[in-house]
Protein backbone atom coordinates (compact mmCIF):
# COMPACT_ATOMS: atom_id res chain seq x y z
CA MET A 1 -151.36 -92.71 -65.31
CA LYS A 2 -147.97 -93.84 -66.59
CA ARG A 3 -146.52 -93.35 -63.14
CA SER A 4 -149.11 -95.55 -61.44
CA ILE A 5 -148.66 -98.26 -64.09
CA GLY A 6 -144.88 -98.13 -63.61
CA ALA A 7 -145.31 -98.29 -59.87
CA ALA A 8 -147.62 -101.29 -60.17
CA ILE A 9 -145.14 -103.06 -62.42
CA LEU A 10 -142.27 -102.31 -60.03
CA PHE A 11 -144.33 -103.50 -57.05
CA SER A 12 -145.34 -106.70 -58.85
CA THR A 13 -141.72 -107.42 -59.85
CA LEU A 14 -140.43 -106.87 -56.37
CA LEU A 15 -143.22 -108.97 -54.87
CA GLY A 16 -142.34 -111.73 -57.36
CA PHE A 17 -138.65 -111.64 -56.43
CA THR A 18 -139.42 -111.64 -52.74
CA ALA A 19 -141.81 -114.55 -53.13
CA CYS A 20 -139.28 -116.59 -55.07
CA LYS A 21 -136.43 -115.86 -52.71
CA SER A 22 -138.41 -116.64 -49.56
CA LYS A 23 -139.32 -120.09 -50.84
CA LYS A 24 -135.70 -121.33 -50.98
CA VAL A 25 -135.63 -124.05 -48.34
CA VAL A 26 -133.21 -126.90 -48.83
CA THR A 27 -134.10 -129.92 -46.74
CA THR A 28 -132.61 -132.78 -48.68
CA GLU A 29 -129.69 -133.40 -50.94
CA THR A 30 -132.09 -134.15 -53.76
CA LYS A 31 -133.55 -130.65 -53.69
CA VAL A 32 -130.04 -129.08 -53.87
CA ILE A 33 -129.26 -131.23 -56.93
CA GLU A 34 -132.55 -130.28 -58.58
CA LYS A 35 -131.85 -126.58 -57.94
CA GLN A 36 -128.31 -126.95 -59.34
CA GLU A 37 -129.55 -128.63 -62.46
CA THR A 38 -132.08 -125.78 -62.99
CA THR A 39 -129.39 -123.16 -62.63
CA GLU A 40 -126.93 -124.94 -64.94
CA ALA A 41 -129.59 -125.46 -67.50
CA THR A 42 -129.84 -121.65 -67.87
CA MET A 43 -126.12 -121.26 -68.42
CA SER A 44 -124.58 -122.59 -71.59
CA SER A 45 -121.25 -124.34 -71.65
CA ALA A 46 -119.81 -121.35 -73.58
CA ASP A 47 -120.99 -119.02 -70.80
CA MET A 48 -119.59 -121.35 -68.17
CA ALA A 49 -116.19 -121.37 -69.96
CA GLU A 50 -116.28 -117.50 -70.28
CA ALA A 51 -117.09 -117.09 -66.59
CA LYS A 52 -114.39 -119.60 -65.61
CA SER A 53 -111.89 -117.62 -67.63
CA ILE A 54 -112.93 -114.33 -66.03
CA TYR A 55 -112.58 -115.93 -62.58
CA GLU A 56 -109.17 -117.43 -63.37
CA THR A 57 -107.71 -114.32 -65.06
CA LYS A 58 -109.39 -111.28 -63.53
CA CYS A 59 -110.08 -112.33 -59.94
CA THR A 60 -106.68 -113.91 -59.42
CA LYS A 61 -104.91 -110.62 -60.16
CA CYS A 62 -105.75 -109.54 -56.60
CA HIS A 63 -106.11 -112.80 -54.69
CA ALA A 64 -105.82 -116.59 -55.00
CA MET A 65 -108.79 -118.56 -56.32
CA LYS A 66 -111.22 -119.15 -53.45
CA ASP A 67 -112.99 -122.43 -52.67
CA VAL A 68 -116.46 -121.14 -53.39
CA SER A 69 -118.09 -124.16 -51.77
CA ASN A 70 -117.41 -122.27 -48.51
CA TYR A 71 -119.84 -119.53 -49.57
CA THR A 72 -123.62 -119.40 -49.74
CA GLU A 73 -125.45 -117.92 -52.70
CA GLU A 74 -126.39 -114.95 -50.55
CA GLN A 75 -122.76 -114.33 -49.59
CA LEU A 76 -121.67 -114.54 -53.25
CA ASN A 77 -124.51 -112.11 -54.22
CA SER A 78 -122.93 -109.69 -51.78
CA ILE A 79 -119.21 -110.33 -52.42
CA VAL A 80 -119.05 -110.55 -56.26
CA PRO A 81 -120.52 -107.05 -57.02
CA LYS A 82 -118.13 -105.49 -54.49
CA MET A 83 -115.14 -107.26 -56.00
CA VAL A 84 -116.12 -106.34 -59.55
CA GLY A 85 -116.59 -102.74 -58.40
CA MET A 86 -113.01 -102.80 -57.03
CA VAL A 87 -111.69 -104.29 -60.28
CA ASN A 88 -113.54 -101.67 -62.32
CA LYS A 89 -112.52 -98.74 -60.15
CA ASN A 90 -110.38 -97.01 -62.77
CA GLU A 91 -111.67 -98.64 -65.92
CA VAL A 92 -114.27 -101.23 -66.83
CA LEU A 93 -112.60 -104.63 -67.06
CA ILE A 94 -115.65 -106.68 -66.24
CA ASN A 95 -118.92 -105.48 -67.80
CA ASP A 96 -122.36 -106.13 -66.37
CA GLY A 97 -123.00 -109.15 -68.62
CA GLN A 98 -119.73 -110.71 -67.55
CA LYS A 99 -120.47 -109.93 -63.92
CA ALA A 100 -123.82 -111.77 -64.19
CA LYS A 101 -122.13 -114.79 -65.78
CA LEU A 102 -119.38 -114.80 -63.17
CA LEU A 103 -121.87 -114.68 -60.32
CA GLN A 104 -123.97 -117.45 -61.77
CA TYR A 105 -120.87 -119.58 -62.41
CA LEU A 106 -119.65 -119.14 -58.82
CA VAL A 107 -123.12 -119.99 -57.46
CA ILE A 108 -123.12 -123.15 -59.50
CA LYS A 109 -119.65 -124.04 -58.35
CA SER A 110 -120.52 -123.33 -54.72
CA ARG A 111 -123.15 -126.12 -54.89
CA GLU A 112 -120.71 -128.76 -56.18
């Protein structure tokens, strides 16, 4: 019984994520701005500052700061976890919470 409830919850969650992701269609500049405001509203200025600091101090140890406006959200969702994994190869320097903030920060910056 617990297994079928867990499976139903997992299926519903995945279905919800898929449904949300497939609806992302940007046809006008206005929609991009509205999406950006929504994302920024979920990230406090303190979290933005923390993520910026992580980007400027941790990421630049291996490479120069990138112009993230050249990347899509999907590309950043693929790149950032790989980079954090490389940084954390021998010891955890960026924890999961910081990784999430960093990714969200870079997505916001990519839309500017």
